[in-house]
Amino acid sequence: MNHLAQDLLDAGFRPNRRLGQNFLFDQNFLDLMVREAALGPDDVALEFGTGPGQLTERLAARAAFVHTIEIEPRLHEFARGRLVLPNVHFHLGDAIPGGDRLNPELCEAVGKRLGGRRLRVVSNFPYSVGGSILLALAEGQLPAFDAVGTLQKEVAERLAAGPGDEAYGPLGILLRRLARVEVLRDVARQLFWPVPRVDSALVRVTFGAARFEGDWKGYRQFVKLAFSQRRKTLTAGLRKLGLAYSGVHARCRPEDLSPEELEDVWREGTRAR
């Protein structure tokens, strides 16, 4: 057993599966993650899910500053006690408390630290909120340059899926509209402690790939509503938003259209309103 895992057990801590507490302790893979992130000495690193701090200390050795947030108080105190580093700033709290908006105190603290520096996200993302965090970053809630991190493999597949794929849906469509997404490699579950019931994947997301002109909130609502009834035609979903559309895709189901075609449908529907 990894010595950090044993230290956690000795301190009376037991991982909570509900909170996605599966810690990445494999030294070689942690080193690979940091190499993939390619942090510069003037960068600010942001980590979601401090855990025992095994990734945090590697980031601190590469970046000018590290901000790291942890929802579990015992883990937060454990990492703070283990890593007394002048360039690491620990935050206790929920990274995305509303499900779609990043923690405002975290955003304020990180924003004050940037001062023209690049913000780079490197994380073993908590399984339950990793995709939501990436979408919030893509929407500009923090001015992140990119993100490298592990996600549940099912979530990574949703990011990469195309029309007709079972995993195709709002998360991948919306995130890829604003960012470039690469699935770098699979990550075996045996690299985590405790061993999760699912595999993971390492992804890279580069933000700011394309600007969205118009009402992003309205478009996001349209995509989510369309896929909430994915077996129905687009006309039915648009009608619920008070939009009219009679174009060539009117009888199509959302899962059959490309992201570009879905956006064209939404824009035509808003113009016809």
C-alpha atoms as a PDB file:
ATOM      1  CA  MET A   1       0.000   0.000   0.000  1.00  0.00           C
ATOM      2  CA  ASN A   2       1.204   3.524  -0.799  1.00  0.00           C
ATOM      3  CA  HIS A   3       2.580   5.324   2.268  1.00  0.00           C
ATOM      4  CA  LEU A   4       0.119   8.212   1.840  1.00  0.00           C
ATOM      5  CA  ALA A   5      -2.792   5.778   1.811  1.00  0.00           C
ATOM      6  CA  GLN A   6      -1.459   4.229   4.997  1.00  0.00           C
ATOM      7  CA  ASP A   7      -1.023   7.681   6.568  1.00  0.00           C
ATOM      8  CA  LEU A   8      -4.671   8.447   5.765  1.00  0.00           C
ATOM      9  CA  LEU A   9      -5.827   5.204   7.355  1.00  0.00           C
ATOM     10  CA  ASP A  10      -3.657   5.832  10.401  1.00  0.00           C
ATOM     11  CA  ALA A  11      -5.273   9.253  10.742  1.00  0.00           C
ATOM     12  CA  GLY A  12      -8.709   7.622  10.827  1.00  0.00           C
ATOM     13  CA  PHE A  13      -9.760   8.654   7.334  1.00  0.00           C
ATOM     14  CA  ARG A  14     -11.804   6.319   5.138  1.00  0.00           C
ATOM     15  CA  PRO A  15     -12.491   7.226   1.478  1.00  0.00           C
ATOM     16  CA  ASN A  16     -16.084   8.058   0.573  1.00  0.00           C
ATOM     17  CA  ARG A  17     -17.168   6.604  -2.771  1.00  0.00           C
ATOM     18  CA  ARG A  18     -20.153   8.959  -2.916  1.00  0.00           C
ATOM     19  CA  LEU A  19     -17.727  11.904  -3.069  1.00  0.00           C
ATOM     20  CA  GLY A  20     -15.585  10.190  -5.691  1.00  0.00           C
ATOM     21  CA  GLN A  21     -12.659   9.814  -3.304  1.00  0.00           C
ATOM     22  CA  ASN A  22     -10.400   7.571  -5.367  1.00  0.00           C
ATOM     23  CA  PHE A  23      -6.877   8.894  -5.085  1.00  0.00           C
ATOM     24  CA  LEU A  24      -4.258   8.665  -7.814  1.00  0.00           C
ATOM     25  CA  PHE A  25      -1.083   7.488  -6.089  1.00  0.00           C
ATOM     26  CA  ASP A  26       0.860   5.950  -8.983  1.00  0.00           C
ATOM     27  CA  GLN A  27       4.115   7.923  -9.073  1.00  0.00           C
ATOM     28  CA  ASN A  28       4.840   7.323 -12.755  1.00  0.00           C
ATOM     29  CA  PHE A  29       1.386   8.419 -13.849  1.00  0.00           C
ATOM     30  CA  LEU A  30       1.451  11.521 -11.654  1.00  0.00           C
ATOM     31  CA  ASP A  31       4.771  12.460 -13.259  1.00  0.00           C
ATOM     32  CA  LEU A  32       3.253  11.850 -16.709  1.00  0.00           C
ATOM     33  CA  MET A  33       0.327  14.147 -15.914  1.00  0.00           C
ATOM     34  CA  VAL A  34       2.662  16.952 -14.920  1.00  0.00           C
ATOM     35  CA  ARG A  35       4.739  16.468 -18.068  1.00  0.00           C
ATOM     36  CA  GLU A  36       1.584  16.598 -20.205  1.00  0.00           C
ATOM     37  CA  ALA A  37       0.549  19.826 -18.457  1.00  0.00           C
ATOM     38  CA  ALA A  38       3.934  21.384 -19.342  1.00  0.00           C
ATOM     39  CA  LEU A  39       3.637  24.097 -16.706  1.00  0.00           C
ATOM     40  CA  GLY A  40       5.897  27.114 -16.970  1.00  0.00           C
ATOM     41  CA  PRO A  41       7.615  28.765 -13.986  1.00  0.00           C
ATOM     42  CA  ASP A  42       5.360  31.819 -14.281  1.00  0.00           C
ATOM     43  CA  ASP A  43       2.084  29.873 -14.560  1.00  0.00           C
ATOM     44  CA  VAL A  44      -0.633  29.663 -11.911  1.00  0.00           C
ATOM     45  CA  ALA A  45      -1.882  26.102 -11.444  1.00  0.00           C
ATOM     46  CA  LEU A  46      -5.400  25.258 -10.260  1.00  0.00           C
ATOM     47  CA  GLU A  47      -6.296  21.833  -8.878  1.00  0.00           C
ATOM     48  CA  PHE A  48      -9.832  20.594  -8.178  1.00  0.00           C
ATOM     49  CA  GLY A  49      -9.777  17.946  -5.454  1.00  0.00           C
ATOM     50  CA  THR A  50      -6.641  18.313  -3.326  1.00  0.00           C
ATOM     51  CA  GLY A  51      -6.910  14.888  -1.732  1.00  0.00           C
ATOM     52  CA  PRO A  52      -3.764  14.069   0.244  1.00  0.00           C
ATOM     53  CA  GLY A  53      -1.764  16.487  -1.947  1.00  0.00           C
ATOM     54  CA  GLN A  54       0.225  14.007  -4.009  1.00  0.00           C
ATOM     55  CA  LEU A  55      -0.375  15.991  -7.229  1.00  0.00           C
ATOM     56  CA  THR A  56      -0.312  19.341  -5.445  1.00  0.00           C
ATOM     57  CA  GLU A  57       3.322  19.030  -4.439  1.00  0.00           C
ATOM     58  CA  ARG A  58       4.354  18.228  -7.998  1.00  0.00           C
ATOM     59  CA  LEU A  59       2.514  21.284  -9.293  1.00  0.00           C
ATOM     60  CA  ALA A  60       4.168  23.463  -6.657  1.00  0.00           C
ATOM     61  CA  ALA A  61       7.587  22.405  -7.949  1.00  0.00           C
ATOM     62  CA  ARG A  62       6.735  23.616 -11.466  1.00  0.00           C
ATOM     63  CA  ALA A  63       4.387  26.615 -11.174  1.00  0.00           C
ATOM     64  CA  ALA A  64       4.678  30.071  -9.650  1.00  0.00           C
ATOM     65  CA  PHE A  65       1.550  29.524  -7.530  1.00  0.00           C
ATOM     66  CA  VAL A  66      -0.897  26.679  -6.932  1.00  0.00           C
ATOM     67  CA  HIS A  67      -4.532  27.046  -5.858  1.00  0.00           C
ATOM     68  CA  THR A  68      -6.156  23.798  -4.765  1.00  0.00           C
ATOM     69  CA  ILE A  69      -9.659  23.195  -3.444  1.00  0.00           C
ATOM     70  CA  GLU A  70     -10.992  20.272  -1.390  1.00  0.00           C
ATOM     71  CA  ILE A  71     -14.538  19.655  -0.164  1.00  0.00           C
ATOM     72  CA  GLU A  72     -13.630  17.202   2.621  1.00  0.00           C
ATOM     73  CA  PRO A  73     -12.381  19.008   5.775  1.00  0.00           C
ATOM     74  CA  ARG A  74     -10.222  16.110   6.995  1.00  0.00           C
ATOM     75  CA  LEU A  75      -8.433  15.825   3.654  1.00  0.00           C
ATOM     76  CA  HIS A  76      -8.010  19.588   3.530  1.00  0.00           C
ATOM     77  CA  GLU A  77      -6.320  19.613   6.938  1.00  0.00           C
ATOM     78  CA  PHE A  78      -4.243  16.524   6.123  1.00  0.00           C
ATOM     79  CA  ALA A  79      -2.829  18.101   2.952  1.00  0.00           C
ATOM     80  CA  ARG A  80      -2.212  21.466   4.626  1.00  0.00           C
ATOM     81  CA  GLY A  81      -0.327  19.750   7.429  1.00  0.00           C
ATOM     82  CA  ARG A  82       1.758  17.675   5.054  1.00  0.00           C
ATOM     83  CA  LEU A  83       2.588  20.385   2.526  1.00  0.00           C
ATOM     84  CA  VAL A  84       3.867  23.578   4.096  1.00  0.00           C
ATOM     85  CA  LEU A  85       4.813  25.314   0.860  1.00  0.00           C
ATOM     86  CA  PRO A  86       4.846  29.101   0.374  1.00  0.00           C
ATOM     87  CA  ASN A  87       3.394  28.995  -3.148  1.00  0.00           C
ATOM     88  CA  VAL A  88       0.428  26.703  -2.385  1.00  0.00           C
ATOM     89  CA  HIS A  89      -2.930  28.189  -1.395  1.00  0.00           C
ATOM     90  CA  PHE A  90      -5.429  25.717   0.074  1.00  0.00           C
ATOM     91  CA  HIS A  91      -9.185  26.275  -0.189  1.00  0.00           C
ATOM     92  CA  LEU A  92     -11.873  24.352   1.686  1.00  0.00           C
ATOM     93  CA  GLY A  93     -15.245  24.121  -0.017  1.00  0.00           C
ATOM     94  CA  ASP A  94     -17.340  22.830  -2.896  1.00  0.00           C
ATOM     95  CA  ALA A  95     -15.666  23.629  -6.217  1.00  0.00           C
ATOM     96  CA  ILE A  96     -18.980  23.995  -8.057  1.00  0.00           C
ATOM     97  CA  PRO A  97     -21.696  24.382  -5.392  1.00  0.00           C
ATOM     98  CA  GLY A  98     -24.600  25.127  -7.712  1.00  0.00           C
ATOM     99  CA  GLY A  99     -23.749  22.442 -10.225  1.00  0.00           C
ATOM    100  CA  ASP A 100     -22.908  24.917 -12.998  1.00  0.00           C
ATOM    101  CA  ARG A 101     -21.174  27.887 -11.320  1.00  0.00           C
ATOM    102  CA  LEU A 102     -17.676  27.681  -9.875  1.00  0.00           C
ATOM    103  CA  ASN A 103     -17.096  28.566  -6.221  1.00  0.00           C
ATOM    104  CA  PRO A 104     -17.113  32.411  -6.147  1.00  0.00           C
ATOM    105  CA  GLU A 105     -14.551  32.672  -3.332  1.00  0.00           C
ATOM    106  CA  LEU A 106     -12.184  30.432  -5.278  1.00  0.00           C
ATOM    107  CA  CYS A 107     -12.673  32.477  -8.451  1.00  0.00           C
ATOM    108  CA  GLU A 108     -11.968  35.701  -6.591  1.00  0.00           C
ATOM    109  CA  ALA A 109      -8.798  34.353  -4.955  1.00  0.00           C
ATOM    110  CA  VAL A 110      -7.434  32.911  -8.199  1.00  0.00           C
ATOM    111  CA  GLY A 111      -8.278  36.069 -10.145  1.00  0.00           C
ATOM    112  CA  LYS A 112      -6.316  38.215  -7.695  1.00  0.00           C
ATOM    113  CA  ARG A 113      -3.274  35.972  -8.074  1.00  0.00           C
ATOM    114  CA  LEU A 114      -3.087  35.928 -11.860  1.00  0.00           C
ATOM    115  CA  GLY A 115      -1.703  39.392 -12.624  1.00  0.00           C
ATOM    116  CA  GLY A 116      -1.208  38.554 -16.292  1.00  0.00           C
ATOM    117  CA  ARG A 117      -0.009  34.985 -15.643  1.00  0.00           C
ATOM    118  CA  ARG A 118      -1.537  32.005 -17.452  1.00  0.00           C
ATOM    119  CA  LEU A 119      -3.994  29.888 -15.493  1.00  0.00           C
ATOM    120  CA  ARG A 120      -3.443  26.153 -16.047  1.00  0.00           C
ATOM    121  CA  VAL A 121      -5.757  23.504 -14.575  1.00  0.00           C
ATOM    122  CA  VAL A 122      -4.265  20.129 -13.610  1.00  0.00           C
ATOM    123  CA  SER A 123      -6.507  17.742 -11.664  1.00  0.00           C
ATOM    124  CA  ASN A 124      -7.598  14.273 -10.819  1.00  0.00           C
ATOM    125  CA  PHE A 125     -11.141  15.556 -11.244  1.00  0.00           C
ATOM    126  CA  PRO A 126     -13.805  14.303  -8.819  1.00  0.00           C
ATOM    127  CA  TYR A 127     -15.882  11.858 -10.849  1.00  0.00           C
ATOM    128  CA  SER A 128     -19.254  13.434 -10.167  1.00  0.00           C
ATOM    129  CA  VAL A 129     -18.412  17.010 -11.210  1.00  0.00           C
ATOM    130  CA  GLY A 130     -15.438  16.849 -13.588  1.00  0.00           C
ATOM    131  CA  GLY A 131     -17.456  17.510 -16.733  1.00  0.00           C
ATOM    132  CA  SER A 132     -19.373  20.365 -15.113  1.00  0.00           C
ATOM    133  CA  ILE A 133     -16.132  22.008 -13.985  1.00  0.00           C
ATOM    134  CA  LEU A 134     -14.655  21.819 -17.482  1.00  0.00           C
ATOM    135  CA  LEU A 135     -17.771  23.350 -19.034  1.00  0.00           C
ATOM    136  CA  ALA A 136     -17.764  26.164 -16.452  1.00  0.00           C
ATOM    137  CA  LEU A 137     -14.131  26.888 -17.319  1.00  0.00           C
ATOM    138  CA  ALA A 138     -14.914  26.833 -21.042  1.00  0.00           C
ATOM    139  CA  GLU A 139     -17.683  29.364 -20.413  1.00  0.00           C
ATOM    140  CA  GLY A 140     -15.071  31.725 -18.986  1.00  0.00           C
ATOM    141  CA  GLN A 141     -15.971  31.647 -15.310  1.00  0.00           C
ATOM    142  CA  LEU A 142     -12.192  31.644 -14.803  1.00  0.00           C
ATOM    143  CA  PRO A 143      -9.753  32.658 -17.566  1.00  0.00           C
ATOM    144  CA  ALA A 144      -8.076  29.249 -17.826  1.00  0.00           C
ATOM    145  CA  PHE A 145      -5.731  28.576 -20.728  1.00  0.00           C
ATOM    146  CA  ASP A 146      -6.095  24.799 -20.631  1.00  0.00           C
ATOM    147  CA  ALA A 147      -6.769  21.776 -18.442  1.00  0.00           C
ATOM    148  CA  VAL A 148      -5.112  18.381 -18.165  1.00  0.00           C
ATOM    149  CA  GLY A 149      -6.718  15.814 -15.914  1.00  0.00           C
ATOM    150  CA  THR A 150      -8.316  12.470 -15.290  1.00  0.00           C
ATOM    151  CA  LEU A 151     -12.035  11.926 -15.770  1.00  0.00           C
ATOM    152  CA  GLN A 152     -14.268   8.928 -15.493  1.00  0.00           C
ATOM    153  CA  LYS A 153     -13.873   7.163 -18.854  1.00  0.00           C
ATOM    154  CA  GLU A 154     -17.619   7.386 -19.482  1.00  0.00           C
ATOM    155  CA  VAL A 155     -17.402  11.191 -19.192  1.00  0.00           C
ATOM    156  CA  ALA A 156     -14.391  11.314 -21.521  1.00  0.00           C
ATOM    157  CA  GLU A 157     -16.371   9.268 -24.055  1.00  0.00           C
ATOM    158  CA  ARG A 158     -19.208  11.783 -23.823  1.00  0.00           C
ATOM    159  CA  LEU A 159     -16.753  14.566 -24.642  1.00  0.00           C
ATOM    160  CA  ALA A 160     -15.508  12.779 -27.751  1.00  0.00           C
ATOM    161  CA  ALA A 161     -18.806  11.276 -29.009  1.00  0.00           C
ATOM    162  CA  GLY A 162     -20.367  12.226 -32.333  1.00  0.00           C
ATOM    163  CA  PRO A 163     -23.855  11.952 -33.862  1.00  0.00           C
ATOM    164  CA  GLY A 164     -25.355   8.500 -33.545  1.00  0.00           C
ATOM    165  CA  ASP A 165     -23.128   7.490 -30.644  1.00  0.00           C
ATOM    166  CA  GLU A 166     -24.882   6.461 -27.465  1.00  0.00           C
ATOM    167  CA  ALA A 167     -22.648   8.840 -25.463  1.00  0.00           C
ATOM    168  CA  TYR A 168     -23.430  11.833 -27.716  1.00  0.00           C
ATOM    169  CA  GLY A 169     -25.128  14.601 -25.778  1.00  0.00           C
ATOM    170  CA  PRO A 170     -25.085  18.107 -24.271  1.00  0.00           C
ATOM    171  CA  LEU A 171     -21.770  17.971 -22.390  1.00  0.00           C
ATOM    172  CA  GLY A 172     -19.662  17.088 -25.420  1.00  0.00           C
ATOM    173  CA  ILE A 173     -21.601  19.372 -27.779  1.00  0.00           C
ATOM    174  CA  LEU A 174     -21.358  22.413 -25.506  1.00  0.00           C
ATOM    175  CA  LEU A 175     -17.775  21.915 -24.376  1.00  0.00           C
ATOM    176  CA  ARG A 176     -16.447  21.284 -27.887  1.00  0.00           C
ATOM    177  CA  ARG A 177     -18.223  24.414 -29.119  1.00  0.00           C
ATOM    178  CA  LEU A 178     -16.010  26.513 -26.850  1.00  0.00           C
ATOM    179  CA  ALA A 179     -12.857  24.416 -26.491  1.00  0.00           C
ATOM    180  CA  ARG A 180     -10.657  21.825 -28.135  1.00  0.00           C
ATOM    181  CA  VAL A 181     -10.860  18.415 -26.454  1.00  0.00           C
ATOM    182  CA  GLU A 182      -8.316  15.588 -26.719  1.00  0.00           C
ATOM    183  CA  VAL A 183      -8.589  12.203 -25.023  1.00  0.00           C
ATOM    184  CA  LEU A 184      -4.921  11.400 -24.428  1.00  0.00           C
ATOM    185  CA  ARG A 185      -5.018   7.875 -22.993  1.00  0.00           C
ATOM    186  CA  ASP A 186      -6.939   5.419 -20.857  1.00  0.00           C
ATOM    187  CA  VAL A 187      -6.073   5.159 -17.164  1.00  0.00           C
ATOM    188  CA  ALA A 188      -6.405   1.747 -15.523  1.00  0.00           C
ATOM    189  CA  ARG A 189      -8.481   1.648 -12.365  1.00  0.00           C
ATOM    190  CA  GLN A 190      -5.654  -0.166 -10.575  1.00  0.00           C
ATOM    191  CA  LEU A 191      -3.677   3.112 -10.431  1.00  0.00           C
ATOM    192  CA  PHE A 192      -6.157   4.516  -7.893  1.00  0.00           C
ATOM    193  CA  TRP A 193      -6.759   3.858  -4.211  1.00  0.00           C
ATOM    194  CA  PRO A 194      -9.226   2.560  -3.378  1.00  0.00           C
ATOM    195  CA  VAL A 195      -9.706   0.870  -6.744  1.00  0.00           C
ATOM    196  CA  PRO A 196     -12.853   2.386  -8.330  1.00  0.00           C
ATOM    197  CA  ARG A 197     -15.514   0.379 -10.120  1.00  0.00           C
ATOM    198  CA  VAL A 198     -14.829   2.217 -13.391  1.00  0.00           C
ATOM    199  CA  ASP A 199     -11.874   3.088 -15.598  1.00  0.00           C
ATOM    200  CA  SER A 200     -10.663   6.624 -16.230  1.00  0.00           C
ATOM    201  CA  ALA A 201      -9.100   8.607 -19.048  1.00  0.00           C
ATOM    202  CA  LEU A 202      -6.596  11.428 -19.248  1.00  0.00           C
ATOM    203  CA  VAL A 203      -7.853  14.403 -21.244  1.00  0.00           C
ATOM    204  CA  ARG A 204      -6.570  17.759 -22.391  1.00  0.00           C
ATOM    205  CA  VAL A 205      -8.960  20.683 -22.935  1.00  0.00           C
ATOM    206  CA  THR A 206      -7.709  23.889 -24.547  1.00  0.00           C
ATOM    207  CA  PHE A 207     -10.041  26.777 -23.864  1.00  0.00           C
ATOM    208  CA  GLY A 208     -10.877  29.757 -26.057  1.00  0.00           C
ATOM    209  CA  ALA A 209     -10.819  27.710 -29.248  1.00  0.00           C
ATOM    210  CA  ALA A 210     -13.868  29.489 -30.695  1.00  0.00           C
ATOM    211  CA  ARG A 211     -16.089  32.380 -29.662  1.00  0.00           C
ATOM    212  CA  PHE A 212     -19.851  31.993 -29.492  1.00  0.00           C
ATOM    213  CA  GLU A 213     -21.756  34.942 -30.913  1.00  0.00           C
ATOM    214  CA  GLY A 214     -25.202  35.431 -29.438  1.00  0.00           C
ATOM    215  CA  ASP A 215     -27.181  34.120 -26.488  1.00  0.00           C
ATOM    216  CA  TRP A 216     -25.039  31.296 -25.092  1.00  0.00           C
ATOM    217  CA  LYS A 217     -27.421  30.723 -22.174  1.00  0.00           C
ATOM    218  CA  GLY A 218     -30.317  30.269 -24.588  1.00  0.00           C
ATOM    219  CA  TYR A 219     -28.339  27.915 -26.804  1.00  0.00           C
ATOM    220  CA  ARG A 220     -27.240  25.833 -23.823  1.00  0.00           C
ATOM    221  CA  GLN A 221     -30.853  25.596 -22.664  1.00  0.00           C
ATOM    222  CA  PHE A 222     -31.925  24.474 -26.148  1.00  0.00           C
ATOM    223  CA  VAL A 223     -29.293  21.709 -26.346  1.00  0.00           C
ATOM    224  CA  LYS A 224     -30.088  20.370 -22.885  1.00  0.00           C
ATOM    225  CA  LEU A 225     -33.838  20.422 -23.509  1.00  0.00           C
ATOM    226  CA  ALA A 226     -33.457  18.758 -26.911  1.00  0.00           C
ATOM    227  CA  PHE A 227     -31.512  15.845 -25.425  1.00  0.00           C
ATOM    228  CA  SER A 228     -33.817  15.509 -22.436  1.00  0.00           C
ATOM    229  CA  GLN A 229     -36.275  14.081 -24.959  1.00  0.00           C
ATOM    230  CA  ARG A 230     -33.742  12.790 -27.477  1.00  0.00           C
ATOM    231  CA  ARG A 231     -36.180  10.396 -29.151  1.00  0.00           C
ATOM    232  CA  LYS A 232     -38.493  13.247 -30.127  1.00  0.00           C
ATOM    233  CA  THR A 233     -38.016  15.521 -33.121  1.00  0.00           C
ATOM    234  CA  LEU A 234     -36.341  18.907 -32.777  1.00  0.00           C
ATOM    235  CA  THR A 235     -39.625  20.640 -33.559  1.00  0.00           C
ATOM    236  CA  ALA A 236     -41.083  19.417 -30.263  1.00  0.00           C
ATOM    237  CA  GLY A 237     -38.138  20.703 -28.236  1.00  0.00           C
ATOM    238  CA  LEU A 238     -38.096  24.058 -29.960  1.00  0.00           C
ATOM    239  CA  ARG A 239     -41.805  24.508 -29.363  1.00  0.00           C
ATOM    240  CA  LYS A 240     -41.222  24.240 -25.601  1.00  0.00           C
ATOM    241  CA  LEU A 241     -38.833  27.184 -25.856  1.00  0.00           C
ATOM    242  CA  GLY A 242     -41.305  29.211 -27.885  1.00  0.00           C
ATOM    243  CA  LEU A 243     -39.253  28.791 -31.066  1.00  0.00           C
ATOM    244  CA  ALA A 244     -40.522  27.873 -34.499  1.00  0.00           C
ATOM    245  CA  TYR A 245     -38.519  25.878 -37.037  1.00  0.00           C
ATOM    246  CA  SER A 246     -39.602  24.287 -40.295  1.00  0.00           C
ATOM    247  CA  GLY A 247     -36.259  23.709 -42.005  1.00  0.00           C
ATOM    248  CA  VAL A 248     -34.700  20.560 -43.406  1.00  0.00           C
ATOM    249  CA  HIS A 249     -33.936  19.135 -39.938  1.00  0.00           C
ATOM    250  CA  ALA A 250     -37.404  19.667 -38.450  1.00  0.00           C
ATOM    251  CA  ARG A 251     -38.205  15.938 -38.336  1.00  0.00           C
ATOM    252  CA  CYS A 252     -34.740  14.903 -37.172  1.00  0.00           C
ATOM    253  CA  ARG A 253     -33.904  13.790 -33.680  1.00  0.00           C
ATOM    254  CA  PRO A 254     -31.142  15.733 -31.905  1.00  0.00           C
ATOM    255  CA  GLU A 255     -28.894  12.680 -31.631  1.00  0.00           C
ATOM    256  CA  ASP A 256     -28.729  12.474 -35.437  1.00  0.00           C
ATOM    257  CA  LEU A 257     -27.402  15.996 -36.047  1.00  0.00           C
ATOM    258  CA  SER A 258     -23.869  17.310 -35.804  1.00  0.00           C
ATOM    259  CA  PRO A 259     -23.097  20.133 -33.343  1.00  0.00           C
ATOM    260  CA  GLU A 260     -22.924  22.537 -36.299  1.00  0.00           C
ATOM    261  CA  GLU A 261     -26.339  21.452 -37.558  1.00  0.00           C
ATOM    262  CA  LEU A 262     -27.866  21.786 -34.084  1.00  0.00           C
ATOM    263  CA  GLU A 263     -26.525  25.311 -33.790  1.00  0.00           C
ATOM    264  CA  ASP A 264     -27.923  26.187 -37.225  1.00  0.00           C
ATOM    265  CA  VAL A 265     -31.350  24.917 -36.135  1.00  0.00           C
ATOM    266  CA  TRP A 266     -31.267  26.991 -32.956  1.00  0.00           C
ATOM    267  CA  ARG A 267     -30.138  30.154 -34.749  1.00  0.00           C
ATOM    268  CA  GLU A 268     -32.827  29.779 -37.404  1.00  0.00           C
ATOM    269  CA  GLY A 269     -35.431  29.195 -34.715  1.00  0.00           C
ATOM    270  CA  THR A 270     -34.421  32.323 -32.805  1.00  0.00           C
ATOM    271  CA  ARG A 271     -34.502  34.427 -35.971  1.00  0.00           C
ATOM    272  CA  ALA A 272     -38.024  33.195 -36.719  1.00  0.00           C
ATOM    273  CA  ARG A 273     -39.313  34.083 -33.265  1.00  0.00           C
END
